[in-house]
Amino acid sequence: MQDAMRSSYFGLVLRIAIIAAIAYAAGFVIFASTLPHKASSIEGADGIVALTGGGARLDTAVALFERGVGKRLLITGVNSTTTKNDLKRIAHGGPRFDCCTDLGFAAENTRGNAAEAARWAGAHHYRRLVVVTASYHMPRSLAEFSAEMPEVRLEPYPVEPDGIDLKAWWRDPRAAELLQTEYAKYLASLVLTRFDHAGRGDALDRSARGGKAGGAS
């Protein structure tokens, strides 16, 4: 009897594991196949947010900004030893870079980038931002940014990484490995932002109930 129950239990676990593996593989293929490779509309944007992590991201964001896109540019996740003049030289900044570019030094990861951008957007009352980052990093970035500032419209401006063909990732082991890593981070981000959002909602509900109770007294 115990052997039969043990066999049934392991069979159930195996089926669940197989289903989970199939779901993960299918999700990965969808993730890799639907990465944004073209920019959406950027006309009328209030500002640009560039996430550090590659020279192409900065070059692209600064070029957009110097062409007149947005009122201000935020470069988030800047190393504490890097100066504005350093970035201007690296990214070929011009007059608009001098007057209207802000550097964020606090962020250490994508969630930090989102929090830094949310504070910046709130301070300037911006409601529409162009987000510049690598194409493979865009889904996670948008998820984190949306969680931090759901009222802000986000326009993705993806940048293709150098030397890796993400459109034909199945032919390039480096691309496949990069996307696998990013997909796992993306799934973790979705879970964390969901729990974080739920926690904030519960905190607001408790605060509201406390306020009502205080008012009644």
N, C-alpha and C. Protein backbone atom coordinates (compact mmCIF):
# COMPACT_ATOMS: atom_id res chain seq x y z
N MET A 1 0.83 -1.21 0.00
CA MET A 1 0.00 0.00 0.00
C MET A 1 0.87 1.27 0.00
N GLN A 2 1.88 1.28 0.89
CA GLN A 2 2.77 2.43 0.94
C GLN A 2 3.56 2.58 -0.35
N ASP A 3 3.96 1.44 -0.94
CA ASP A 3 4.70 1.50 -2.21
C ASP A 3 3.82 2.09 -3.31
N ALA A 4 2.55 1.72 -3.30
CA ALA A 4 1.63 2.25 -4.32
C ALA A 4 1.43 3.75 -4.14
N MET A 5 1.29 4.20 -2.87
CA MET A 5 1.11 5.62 -2.60
C MET A 5 2.37 6.41 -2.98
N ARG A 6 3.55 5.82 -2.67
CA ARG A 6 4.81 6.49 -3.00
C ARG A 6 4.97 6.60 -4.51
N SER A 7 4.61 5.54 -5.22
CA SER A 7 4.70 5.54 -6.67
C SER A 7 3.75 6.58 -7.27
N SER A 8 2.54 6.66 -6.71
CA SER A 8 1.57 7.64 -7.20
C SER A 8 2.06 9.06 -6.95
N TYR A 9 2.67 9.29 -5.78
CA TYR A 9 3.19 10.61 -5.43
C TYR A 9 4.29 11.04 -6.39
N PHE A 10 5.26 10.13 -6.60
CA PHE A 10 6.36 10.46 -7.51
C PHE A 10 5.87 10.65 -8.94
N GLY A 11 4.85 9.88 -9.32
CA GLY A 11 4.28 10.06 -10.65
C GLY A 11 3.64 11.43 -10.81
N LEU A 12 2.96 11.88 -9.76
CA LEU A 12 2.34 13.21 -9.79
C LEU A 12 3.40 14.30 -9.87
N VAL A 13 4.45 14.15 -9.05
CA VAL A 13 5.54 15.13 -9.07
C VAL A 13 6.20 15.18 -10.44
N LEU A 14 6.40 14.00 -11.05
CA LEU A 14 7.02 13.96 -12.37
C LEU A 14 6.16 14.65 -13.41
N ARG A 15 4.84 14.41 -13.35
CA ARG A 15 3.94 15.06 -14.31
C ARG A 15 3.95 16.58 -14.13
N ILE A 16 3.95 17.02 -12.88
CA ILE A 16 3.99 18.46 -12.63
C ILE A 16 5.29 19.06 -13.15
N ALA A 17 6.40 18.34 -12.92
CA ALA A 17 7.70 18.82 -13.39
C ALA A 17 7.74 18.90 -14.91
N ILE A 18 7.16 17.92 -15.58
CA ILE A 18 7.15 17.92 -17.05
C ILE A 18 6.30 19.07 -17.57
N ILE A 19 5.13 19.28 -16.96
CA ILE A 19 4.26 20.38 -17.38
C ILE A 19 4.95 21.72 -17.16
N ALA A 20 5.62 21.86 -16.00
CA ALA A 20 6.32 23.10 -15.71
C ALA A 20 7.44 23.35 -16.70
N ALA A 21 8.17 22.29 -17.06
CA ALA A 21 9.27 22.43 -18.01
C ALA A 21 8.75 22.84 -19.39
N ILE A 22 7.64 22.23 -19.80
CA ILE A 22 7.05 22.58 -21.10
C ILE A 22 6.57 24.03 -21.09
N ALA A 23 5.92 24.43 -19.98
CA ALA A 23 5.43 25.80 -19.88
C ALA A 23 6.59 26.79 -19.91
N TYR A 24 7.68 26.46 -19.20
CA TYR A 24 8.84 27.34 -19.17
C TYR A 24 9.45 27.47 -20.57
N ALA A 25 9.60 26.33 -21.26
CA ALA A 25 10.19 26.34 -22.60
C ALA A 25 9.32 27.14 -23.57
N ALA A 26 7.99 26.92 -23.49
CA ALA A 26 7.09 27.65 -24.37
C ALA A 26 7.13 29.15 -24.08
N GLY A 27 7.17 29.49 -22.80
CA GLY A 27 7.26 30.90 -22.43
C GLY A 27 8.54 31.53 -22.90
N PHE A 28 9.63 30.78 -22.82
CA PHE A 28 10.91 31.31 -23.28
C PHE A 28 10.88 31.59 -24.77
N VAL A 29 10.33 30.67 -25.54
CA VAL A 29 10.26 30.86 -26.99
C VAL A 29 9.44 32.11 -27.31
N ILE A 30 8.31 32.27 -26.63
CA ILE A 30 7.48 33.46 -26.85
C ILE A 30 8.24 34.72 -26.46
N PHE A 31 8.93 34.67 -25.32
CA PHE A 31 9.72 35.81 -24.86
C PHE A 31 10.77 36.19 -25.89
N ALA A 32 11.53 35.20 -26.35
CA ALA A 32 12.61 35.46 -27.30
C ALA A 32 12.10 35.92 -28.66
N SER A 33 10.92 35.44 -29.04
CA SER A 33 10.39 35.74 -30.37
C SER A 33 9.64 37.07 -30.42
N THR A 34 9.28 37.61 -29.27
CA THR A 34 8.48 38.83 -29.26
C THR A 34 9.25 40.02 -28.67
N LEU A 35 10.56 39.91 -28.57
CA LEU A 35 11.34 41.04 -28.09
C LEU A 35 11.14 42.24 -29.01
N PRO A 36 11.05 43.44 -28.44
CA PRO A 36 10.90 44.63 -29.30
C PRO A 36 12.21 44.95 -30.01
N HIS A 37 12.15 45.04 -31.33
CA HIS A 37 13.34 45.38 -32.11
C HIS A 37 13.19 46.71 -32.84
N LYS A 38 11.99 47.29 -32.75
CA LYS A 38 11.74 48.59 -33.37
C LYS A 38 11.16 49.53 -32.33
N ALA A 39 11.50 50.79 -32.45
CA ALA A 39 11.01 51.79 -31.50
C ALA A 39 9.55 52.11 -31.78
N SER A 40 8.82 52.40 -30.71
CA SER A 40 7.45 52.88 -30.88
C SER A 40 7.48 54.39 -31.09
N SER A 41 6.32 55.00 -31.15
CA SER A 41 6.24 56.44 -31.37
C SER A 41 6.90 57.20 -30.22
N ILE A 42 7.73 58.18 -30.57
CA ILE A 42 8.41 58.96 -29.54
C ILE A 42 8.06 60.44 -29.63
N GLU A 43 7.18 60.80 -30.54
CA GLU A 43 6.78 62.19 -30.68
C GLU A 43 5.96 62.62 -29.47
N GLY A 44 6.29 63.77 -28.92
CA GLY A 44 5.52 64.30 -27.80
C GLY A 44 5.92 63.77 -26.45
N ALA A 45 7.04 63.04 -26.36
CA ALA A 45 7.47 62.52 -25.07
C ALA A 45 7.98 63.64 -24.18
N ASP A 46 7.73 63.50 -22.88
CA ASP A 46 8.20 64.51 -21.93
C ASP A 46 9.69 64.37 -21.65
N GLY A 47 10.17 63.15 -21.57
CA GLY A 47 11.57 62.94 -21.24
C GLY A 47 12.06 61.60 -21.73
N ILE A 48 13.37 61.40 -21.61
CA ILE A 48 14.02 60.14 -21.99
C ILE A 48 14.74 59.59 -20.77
N VAL A 49 14.61 58.28 -20.58
CA VAL A 49 15.36 57.60 -19.53
C VAL A 49 16.26 56.56 -20.19
N ALA A 50 17.55 56.67 -19.97
CA ALA A 50 18.51 55.72 -20.50
C ALA A 50 19.07 54.88 -19.36
N LEU A 51 19.03 53.57 -19.50
CA LEU A 51 19.57 52.66 -18.50
C LEU A 51 20.99 52.29 -18.89
N THR A 52 21.92 52.46 -17.98
CA THR A 52 23.31 52.14 -18.29
C THR A 52 23.47 50.62 -18.43
N GLY A 53 24.57 50.23 -19.06
CA GLY A 53 24.83 48.81 -19.27
C GLY A 53 25.42 48.54 -20.63
N GLY A 54 25.66 49.57 -21.40
CA GLY A 54 26.26 49.40 -22.72
C GLY A 54 26.37 50.75 -23.40
N GLY A 55 27.48 50.96 -24.10
CA GLY A 55 27.70 52.23 -24.76
C GLY A 55 26.64 52.57 -25.79
N ALA A 56 26.10 51.55 -26.47
CA ALA A 56 25.11 51.79 -27.51
C ALA A 56 23.84 52.42 -26.92
N ARG A 57 23.52 52.06 -25.69
CA ARG A 57 22.32 52.63 -25.06
C ARG A 57 22.50 54.13 -24.87
N LEU A 58 23.64 54.51 -24.35
CA LEU A 58 23.89 55.94 -24.10
C LEU A 58 23.97 56.71 -25.40
N ASP A 59 24.69 56.16 -26.38
CA ASP A 59 24.81 56.84 -27.67
C ASP A 59 23.44 57.09 -28.28
N THR A 60 22.58 56.07 -28.22
CA THR A 60 21.25 56.18 -28.81
C THR A 60 20.40 57.21 -28.07
N ALA A 61 20.41 57.15 -26.74
CA ALA A 61 19.60 58.07 -25.95
C ALA A 61 20.06 59.51 -26.14
N VAL A 62 21.36 59.74 -26.12
CA VAL A 62 21.89 61.10 -26.28
C VAL A 62 21.59 61.63 -27.67
N ALA A 63 21.72 60.78 -28.70
CA ALA A 63 21.42 61.20 -30.06
C ALA A 63 19.95 61.60 -30.19
N LEU A 64 19.06 60.82 -29.60
CA LEU A 64 17.64 61.17 -29.61
C LEU A 64 17.40 62.51 -28.94
N PHE A 65 18.03 62.68 -27.79
CA PHE A 65 17.83 63.90 -27.02
C PHE A 65 18.35 65.12 -27.76
N GLU A 66 19.52 64.99 -28.36
CA GLU A 66 20.09 66.12 -29.11
C GLU A 66 19.26 66.45 -30.34
N ARG A 67 18.47 65.49 -30.83
CA ARG A 67 17.58 65.76 -31.96
C ARG A 67 16.31 66.47 -31.52
N GLY A 68 16.12 66.62 -30.21
CA GLY A 68 14.96 67.36 -29.73
C GLY A 68 13.88 66.53 -29.09
N VAL A 69 14.12 65.23 -28.91
CA VAL A 69 13.12 64.37 -28.27
C VAL A 69 13.17 64.59 -26.76
N GLY A 70 12.05 64.94 -26.17
CA GLY A 70 11.97 65.11 -24.72
C GLY A 70 12.50 66.44 -24.24
N LYS A 71 12.11 66.78 -23.01
CA LYS A 71 12.55 68.03 -22.39
C LYS A 71 13.83 67.83 -21.57
N ARG A 72 13.96 66.63 -20.99
CA ARG A 72 15.15 66.32 -20.21
C ARG A 72 15.51 64.85 -20.42
N LEU A 73 16.77 64.53 -20.15
CA LEU A 73 17.28 63.17 -20.25
C LEU A 73 17.79 62.74 -18.89
N LEU A 74 17.38 61.55 -18.47
CA LEU A 74 17.92 60.95 -17.24
C LEU A 74 18.74 59.73 -17.63
N ILE A 75 19.98 59.70 -17.18
CA ILE A 75 20.82 58.50 -17.31
C ILE A 75 20.88 57.87 -15.93
N THR A 76 20.26 56.71 -15.77
CA THR A 76 20.14 56.09 -14.47
C THR A 76 21.09 54.91 -14.32
N GLY A 77 21.61 54.74 -13.10
CA GLY A 77 22.55 53.66 -12.85
C GLY A 77 23.99 54.02 -13.14
N VAL A 78 24.31 55.30 -13.05
CA VAL A 78 25.66 55.78 -13.36
C VAL A 78 26.62 55.42 -12.22
N ASN A 79 27.81 55.00 -12.58
CA ASN A 79 28.84 54.71 -11.59
C ASN A 79 29.20 55.98 -10.83
N SER A 80 29.41 55.83 -9.53
CA SER A 80 29.63 57.01 -8.68
C SER A 80 30.91 57.77 -9.04
N THR A 81 31.84 57.11 -9.74
CA THR A 81 33.09 57.79 -10.11
C THR A 81 33.01 58.47 -11.48
N THR A 82 31.88 58.30 -12.16
CA THR A 82 31.73 58.86 -13.50
C THR A 82 31.14 60.27 -13.42
N THR A 83 31.70 61.18 -14.18
CA THR A 83 31.22 62.56 -14.19
C THR A 83 30.36 62.82 -15.42
N LYS A 84 29.68 63.94 -15.39
CA LYS A 84 28.85 64.32 -16.53
C LYS A 84 29.71 64.58 -17.75
N ASN A 85 30.87 65.17 -17.56
CA ASN A 85 31.79 65.40 -18.68
C ASN A 85 32.28 64.09 -19.29
N ASP A 86 32.49 63.09 -18.44
CA ASP A 86 32.89 61.77 -18.94
C ASP A 86 31.82 61.22 -19.89
N LEU A 87 30.57 61.27 -19.44
CA LEU A 87 29.48 60.73 -20.25
C LEU A 87 29.25 61.56 -21.51
N LYS A 88 29.42 62.86 -21.39
CA LYS A 88 29.26 63.71 -22.58
C LYS A 88 30.27 63.33 -23.64
N ARG A 89 31.50 63.10 -23.22
CA ARG A 89 32.54 62.72 -24.17
C ARG A 89 32.28 61.34 -24.76
N ILE A 90 31.90 60.39 -23.92
CA ILE A 90 31.67 59.02 -24.39
C ILE A 90 30.49 58.95 -25.35
N ALA A 91 29.41 59.67 -25.01
CA ALA A 91 28.17 59.57 -25.80
C ALA A 91 28.01 60.68 -26.82
N HIS A 92 29.03 61.52 -26.98
CA HIS A 92 29.01 62.59 -27.99
C HIS A 92 27.85 63.56 -27.75
N GLY A 93 27.73 64.01 -26.51
CA GLY A 93 26.68 64.95 -26.17
C GLY A 93 26.95 66.34 -26.71
N GLY A 94 25.88 67.12 -26.82
CA GLY A 94 25.98 68.48 -27.33
C GLY A 94 25.39 69.48 -26.36
N PRO A 95 24.86 70.59 -26.87
CA PRO A 95 24.33 71.66 -26.01
C PRO A 95 23.20 71.20 -25.10
N ARG A 96 22.29 70.37 -25.60
CA ARG A 96 21.18 69.93 -24.76
C ARG A 96 21.67 69.03 -23.63
N PHE A 97 22.73 68.27 -23.90
CA PHE A 97 23.29 67.42 -22.86
C PHE A 97 23.77 68.28 -21.69
N ASP A 98 24.41 69.41 -22.01
CA ASP A 98 24.95 70.28 -20.97
C ASP A 98 23.85 70.85 -20.07
N CYS A 99 22.77 71.28 -20.68
CA CYS A 99 21.76 72.00 -19.90
C CYS A 99 20.72 71.10 -19.25
N CYS A 100 20.41 69.98 -19.90
CA CYS A 100 19.17 69.30 -19.54
C CYS A 100 19.32 67.79 -19.33
N THR A 101 20.53 67.34 -19.00
CA THR A 101 20.74 65.93 -18.70
C THR A 101 21.00 65.76 -17.21
N ASP A 102 20.30 64.79 -16.62
CA ASP A 102 20.46 64.48 -15.20
C ASP A 102 21.07 63.09 -15.06
N LEU A 103 21.93 62.92 -14.07
CA LEU A 103 22.56 61.62 -13.80
C LEU A 103 22.02 61.05 -12.51
N GLY A 104 21.69 59.76 -12.54
CA GLY A 104 21.23 59.07 -11.34
C GLY A 104 22.28 58.07 -10.89
N PHE A 105 22.72 58.19 -9.65
CA PHE A 105 23.80 57.35 -9.15
C PHE A 105 23.33 56.28 -8.16
N ALA A 106 22.05 56.32 -7.78
CA ALA A 106 21.58 55.44 -6.70
C ALA A 106 21.27 54.02 -7.18
N ALA A 107 20.83 53.86 -8.41
CA ALA A 107 20.36 52.56 -8.88
C ALA A 107 21.50 51.56 -9.06
N GLU A 108 21.27 50.33 -8.57
CA GLU A 108 22.24 49.25 -8.73
C GLU A 108 21.68 48.10 -9.56
N ASN A 109 20.40 48.17 -9.89
CA ASN A 109 19.77 47.13 -10.70
C ASN A 109 18.56 47.74 -11.39
N THR A 110 17.83 46.91 -12.12
CA THR A 110 16.70 47.41 -12.90
C THR A 110 15.60 47.98 -12.01
N ARG A 111 15.36 47.32 -10.89
CA ARG A 111 14.35 47.86 -9.96
C ARG A 111 14.78 49.22 -9.43
N GLY A 112 16.07 49.36 -9.16
CA GLY A 112 16.58 50.66 -8.74
C GLY A 112 16.46 51.70 -9.83
N ASN A 113 16.70 51.30 -11.09
CA ASN A 113 16.51 52.21 -12.22
C ASN A 113 15.08 52.72 -12.26
N ALA A 114 14.13 51.81 -12.05
CA ALA A 114 12.71 52.18 -12.10
C ALA A 114 12.36 53.16 -10.99
N ALA A 115 12.86 52.90 -9.78
CA ALA A 115 12.58 53.79 -8.65
C ALA A 115 13.20 55.17 -8.88
N GLU A 116 14.42 55.16 -9.41
CA GLU A 116 15.11 56.43 -9.68
C GLU A 116 14.37 57.23 -10.75
N ALA A 117 13.94 56.54 -11.79
CA ALA A 117 13.20 57.21 -12.87
C ALA A 117 11.85 57.72 -12.39
N ALA A 118 11.21 56.97 -11.50
CA ALA A 118 9.90 57.40 -10.99
C ALA A 118 10.04 58.68 -10.17
N ARG A 119 11.07 58.77 -9.35
CA ARG A 119 11.29 60.00 -8.58
C ARG A 119 11.56 61.18 -9.51
N TRP A 120 12.35 60.93 -10.53
CA TRP A 120 12.71 61.98 -11.49
C TRP A 120 11.47 62.45 -12.26
N ALA A 121 10.69 61.49 -12.75
CA ALA A 121 9.48 61.84 -13.49
C ALA A 121 8.48 62.58 -12.61
N GLY A 122 8.36 62.15 -11.37
CA GLY A 122 7.45 62.82 -10.45
C GLY A 122 7.88 64.25 -10.16
N ALA A 123 9.19 64.44 -10.00
CA ALA A 123 9.70 65.78 -9.70
C ALA A 123 9.43 66.75 -10.85
N HIS A 124 9.42 66.24 -12.08
CA HIS A 124 9.21 67.09 -13.26
C HIS A 124 7.77 67.00 -13.79
N HIS A 125 6.94 66.21 -13.13
CA HIS A 125 5.53 66.05 -13.54
C HIS A 125 5.43 65.50 -14.96
N TYR A 126 6.27 64.56 -15.29
CA TYR A 126 6.25 63.95 -16.62
C TYR A 126 5.24 62.80 -16.65
N ARG A 127 4.57 62.67 -17.78
CA ARG A 127 3.57 61.63 -17.95
C ARG A 127 3.83 60.73 -19.16
N ARG A 128 4.91 61.02 -19.88
CA ARG A 128 5.23 60.17 -21.04
C ARG A 128 6.75 60.12 -21.19
N LEU A 129 7.30 58.91 -21.09
CA LEU A 129 8.75 58.74 -21.12
C LEU A 129 9.17 57.76 -22.20
N VAL A 130 10.29 58.06 -22.84
CA VAL A 130 10.95 57.12 -23.75
C VAL A 130 11.98 56.35 -22.93
N VAL A 131 11.89 55.04 -22.97
CA VAL A 131 12.82 54.18 -22.21
C VAL A 131 13.81 53.56 -23.18
N VAL A 132 15.09 53.85 -22.97
CA VAL A 132 16.14 53.36 -23.85
C VAL A 132 16.97 52.32 -23.10
N THR A 133 16.95 51.10 -23.60
CA THR A 133 17.79 50.03 -23.05
C THR A 133 17.92 48.95 -24.12
N ALA A 134 18.67 47.90 -23.81
CA ALA A 134 18.86 46.82 -24.78
C ALA A 134 17.53 46.11 -25.05
N SER A 135 17.38 45.59 -26.24
CA SER A 135 16.11 44.95 -26.61
C SER A 135 15.78 43.78 -25.69
N TYR A 136 16.78 42.98 -25.32
CA TYR A 136 16.52 41.82 -24.46
C TYR A 136 16.16 42.25 -23.04
N HIS A 137 16.57 43.44 -22.65
CA HIS A 137 16.33 43.96 -21.31
C HIS A 137 15.03 44.75 -21.22
N MET A 138 14.42 45.05 -22.36
CA MET A 138 13.26 45.92 -22.39
C MET A 138 12.04 45.34 -21.66
N PRO A 139 11.67 44.05 -21.84
CA PRO A 139 10.48 43.55 -21.14
C PRO A 139 10.58 43.70 -19.62
N ARG A 140 11.73 43.36 -19.06
CA ARG A 140 11.90 43.48 -17.60
C ARG A 140 11.89 44.95 -17.18
N SER A 141 12.52 45.79 -17.97
CA SER A 141 12.55 47.21 -17.65
C SER A 141 11.14 47.80 -17.64
N LEU A 142 10.36 47.48 -18.65
CA LEU A 142 9.00 48.01 -18.72
C LEU A 142 8.14 47.48 -17.57
N ALA A 143 8.35 46.22 -17.19
CA ALA A 143 7.60 45.66 -16.07
C ALA A 143 7.93 46.41 -14.78
N GLU A 144 9.21 46.65 -14.55
CA GLU A 144 9.63 47.36 -13.34
C GLU A 144 9.17 48.82 -13.36
N PHE A 145 9.33 49.48 -14.50
CA PHE A 145 8.93 50.87 -14.62
C PHE A 145 7.43 51.02 -14.45
N SER A 146 6.66 50.14 -15.05
CA SER A 146 5.20 50.22 -14.95
C SER A 146 4.74 50.03 -13.52
N ALA A 147 5.42 49.15 -12.78
CA ALA A 147 5.05 48.92 -11.39
C ALA A 147 5.33 50.15 -10.54
N GLU A 148 6.41 50.87 -10.85
CA GLU A 148 6.77 52.05 -10.07
C GLU A 148 5.95 53.28 -10.43
N MET A 149 5.55 53.39 -11.69
CA MET A 149 4.79 54.57 -12.11
C MET A 149 3.72 54.16 -13.13
N PRO A 150 2.66 53.52 -12.63
CA PRO A 150 1.62 53.01 -13.53
C PRO A 150 0.88 54.10 -14.29
N GLU A 151 0.96 55.34 -13.81
CA GLU A 151 0.23 56.44 -14.47
C GLU A 151 1.03 57.04 -15.62
N VAL A 152 2.28 56.64 -15.79
CA VAL A 152 3.14 57.21 -16.83
C VAL A 152 3.12 56.31 -18.07
N ARG A 153 2.99 56.93 -19.22
CA ARG A 153 3.04 56.19 -20.49
C ARG A 153 4.49 55.96 -20.88
N LEU A 154 4.84 54.71 -21.14
CA LEU A 154 6.22 54.34 -21.46
C LEU A 154 6.34 53.96 -22.93
N GLU A 155 7.30 54.58 -23.61
CA GLU A 155 7.55 54.28 -25.02
C GLU A 155 8.90 53.58 -25.13
N PRO A 156 8.91 52.28 -25.46
CA PRO A 156 10.18 51.57 -25.55
C PRO A 156 11.00 51.97 -26.77
N TYR A 157 12.29 52.16 -26.57
CA TYR A 157 13.22 52.43 -27.66
C TYR A 157 14.37 51.44 -27.52
N PRO A 158 14.20 50.23 -28.08
CA PRO A 158 15.18 49.16 -27.89
C PRO A 158 16.46 49.37 -28.69
N VAL A 159 17.56 48.94 -28.10
CA VAL A 159 18.87 49.02 -28.75
C VAL A 159 19.41 47.60 -28.89
N GLU A 160 19.87 47.26 -30.08
CA GLU A 160 20.41 45.93 -30.31
C GLU A 160 21.83 45.82 -29.77
N PRO A 161 22.15 44.77 -29.01
CA PRO A 161 23.51 44.60 -28.50
C PRO A 161 24.48 44.28 -29.64
N ASP A 162 25.71 44.73 -29.48
CA ASP A 162 26.72 44.50 -30.52
C ASP A 162 27.18 43.04 -30.51
N GLY A 163 27.34 42.50 -31.71
CA GLY A 163 27.96 41.18 -31.86
C GLY A 163 27.08 40.00 -31.56
N ILE A 164 25.79 40.23 -31.28
CA ILE A 164 24.88 39.12 -30.97
C ILE A 164 23.60 39.30 -31.78
N ASP A 165 23.20 38.22 -32.46
CA ASP A 165 22.00 38.27 -33.28
C ASP A 165 20.83 37.70 -32.49
N LEU A 166 20.07 38.57 -31.85
CA LEU A 166 18.95 38.11 -31.04
C LEU A 166 17.76 37.67 -31.88
N LYS A 167 17.69 38.16 -33.11
CA LYS A 167 16.57 37.75 -33.97
C LYS A 167 16.70 36.30 -34.40
N ALA A 168 17.92 35.79 -34.48
CA ALA A 168 18.17 34.38 -34.81
C ALA A 168 18.92 33.74 -33.65
N TRP A 169 18.37 33.88 -32.45
CA TRP A 169 19.05 33.46 -31.23
C TRP A 169 19.36 31.96 -31.20
N TRP A 170 18.53 31.16 -31.87
CA TRP A 170 18.74 29.71 -31.84
C TRP A 170 20.02 29.28 -32.58
N ARG A 171 20.56 30.18 -33.38
CA ARG A 171 21.81 29.87 -34.09
C ARG A 171 23.05 30.30 -33.31
N ASP A 172 22.85 31.14 -32.31
CA ASP A 172 23.98 31.72 -31.60
C ASP A 172 23.92 31.30 -30.13
N PRO A 173 24.83 30.43 -29.69
CA PRO A 173 24.82 29.98 -28.29
C PRO A 173 24.90 31.13 -27.30
N ARG A 174 25.65 32.17 -27.63
CA ARG A 174 25.76 33.32 -26.72
C ARG A 174 24.43 34.03 -26.59
N ALA A 175 23.73 34.18 -27.71
CA ALA A 175 22.41 34.82 -27.68
C ALA A 175 21.42 33.98 -26.89
N ALA A 176 21.45 32.67 -27.09
CA ALA A 176 20.54 31.78 -26.38
C ALA A 176 20.80 31.84 -24.87
N GLU A 177 22.07 31.83 -24.49
CA GLU A 177 22.41 31.90 -23.07
C GLU A 177 21.99 33.24 -22.47
N LEU A 178 22.23 34.32 -23.20
CA LEU A 178 21.84 35.65 -22.73
C LEU A 178 20.33 35.73 -22.52
N LEU A 179 19.57 35.22 -23.47
CA LEU A 179 18.12 35.29 -23.38
C LEU A 179 17.58 34.39 -22.27
N GLN A 180 18.20 33.22 -22.08
CA GLN A 180 17.78 32.35 -20.99
C GLN A 180 17.96 33.04 -19.64
N THR A 181 19.10 33.67 -19.47
CA THR A 181 19.35 34.38 -18.21
C THR A 181 18.37 35.52 -18.02
N GLU A 182 18.13 36.28 -19.07
CA GLU A 182 17.22 37.42 -18.98
C GLU A 182 15.79 36.97 -18.76
N TYR A 183 15.40 35.86 -19.38
CA TYR A 183 14.05 35.34 -19.20
C TYR A 183 13.80 34.95 -17.75
N ALA A 184 14.79 34.30 -17.13
CA ALA A 184 14.66 33.91 -15.73
C ALA A 184 14.53 35.16 -14.85
N LYS A 185 15.32 36.19 -15.15
CA LYS A 185 15.22 37.45 -14.40
C LYS A 185 13.87 38.12 -14.62
N TYR A 186 13.37 38.03 -15.84
CA TYR A 186 12.07 38.62 -16.17
C TYR A 186 10.95 37.96 -15.38
N LEU A 187 10.97 36.63 -15.31
CA LEU A 187 9.95 35.92 -14.54
C LEU A 187 10.03 36.29 -13.06
N ALA A 188 11.26 36.34 -12.54
CA ALA A 188 11.42 36.73 -11.14
C ALA A 188 10.91 38.15 -10.90
N SER A 189 11.16 39.02 -11.86
CA SER A 189 10.71 40.40 -11.75
C SER A 189 9.18 40.48 -11.71
N LEU A 190 8.53 39.70 -12.55
CA LEU A 190 7.06 39.70 -12.55
C LEU A 190 6.51 39.26 -11.21
N VAL A 191 7.11 38.22 -10.63
CA VAL A 191 6.65 37.73 -9.33
C VAL A 191 6.88 38.77 -8.24
N LEU A 192 8.09 39.33 -8.22
CA LEU A 192 8.43 40.31 -7.17
C LEU A 192 7.58 41.57 -7.27
N THR A 193 7.38 42.07 -8.50
CA THR A 193 6.57 43.27 -8.64
C THR A 193 5.12 43.01 -8.28
N ARG A 194 4.64 41.80 -8.57
CA ARG A 194 3.27 41.45 -8.20
C ARG A 194 3.08 41.46 -6.69
N PHE A 195 4.03 40.80 -5.98
CA PHE A 195 3.95 40.76 -4.53
C PHE A 195 4.15 42.15 -3.93
N ASP A 196 5.07 42.91 -4.52
CA ASP A 196 5.34 44.25 -4.02
C ASP A 196 4.12 45.14 -4.19
N HIS A 197 3.48 45.02 -5.36
CA HIS A 197 2.27 45.82 -5.62
C HIS A 197 1.16 45.43 -4.67
N ALA A 198 1.00 44.12 -4.43
CA ALA A 198 -0.03 43.65 -3.51
C ALA A 198 0.25 44.16 -2.10
N GLY A 199 1.53 44.14 -1.70
CA GLY A 199 1.90 44.63 -0.39
C GLY A 199 1.61 46.11 -0.21
N ARG A 200 1.87 46.88 -1.26
CA ARG A 200 1.59 48.32 -1.20
C ARG A 200 0.09 48.55 -1.10
N GLY A 201 -0.68 47.75 -1.84
CA GLY A 201 -2.13 47.90 -1.78
C GLY A 201 -2.67 47.59 -0.39
N ASP A 202 -2.14 46.54 0.23
CA ASP A 202 -2.57 46.19 1.59
C ASP A 202 -2.21 47.31 2.57
N ALA A 203 -0.99 47.88 2.39
CA ALA A 203 -0.56 48.96 3.28
C ALA A 203 -1.46 50.18 3.14
N LEU A 204 -1.84 50.50 1.89
CA LEU A 204 -2.73 51.64 1.67
C LEU A 204 -4.11 51.38 2.29
N ASP A 205 -4.59 50.14 2.16
CA ASP A 205 -5.89 49.80 2.75
C ASP A 205 -5.85 49.95 4.27
N ARG A 206 -4.75 49.46 4.88
CA ARG A 206 -4.63 49.58 6.33
C ARG A 206 -4.55 51.04 6.75
N SER A 207 -3.82 51.84 5.94
CA SER A 207 -3.69 53.26 6.25
C SER A 207 -5.04 53.95 6.16
N ALA A 208 -5.79 53.60 5.10
CA ALA A 208 -7.11 54.21 4.92
C ALA A 208 -8.06 53.84 6.08
N ARG A 209 -8.01 52.56 6.47
CA ARG A 209 -8.87 52.13 7.58
C ARG A 209 -8.46 52.83 8.88
N GLY A 210 -7.13 52.98 9.05
CA GLY A 210 -6.65 53.67 10.25
C GLY A 210 -7.07 55.12 10.27
N GLY A 211 -7.03 55.76 9.09
CA GLY A 211 -7.43 57.16 9.00
C GLY A 211 -8.90 57.34 9.32
N LYS A 212 -9.72 56.40 8.83
CA LYS A 212 -11.14 56.49 9.10
C LYS A 212 -11.42 56.29 10.58
N ALA A 213 -10.69 55.31 11.16
CA ALA A 213 -10.91 55.05 12.58
C ALA A 213 -10.49 56.26 13.40
N GLY A 214 -9.36 56.89 13.01
CA GLY A 214 -8.89 58.07 13.73
C GLY A 214 -9.86 59.21 13.61
N GLY A 215 -10.45 59.36 12.42
CA GLY A 215 -11.40 60.44 12.20
C GLY A 215 -12.67 60.24 13.02
N ALA A 216 -13.07 58.96 13.14
CA ALA A 216 -14.29 58.68 13.88
C ALA A 216 -14.11 58.97 15.36
N SER A 217 -12.91 58.77 15.84
CA SER A 217 -12.69 59.01 17.26
C SER A 217 -12.63 60.51 17.54
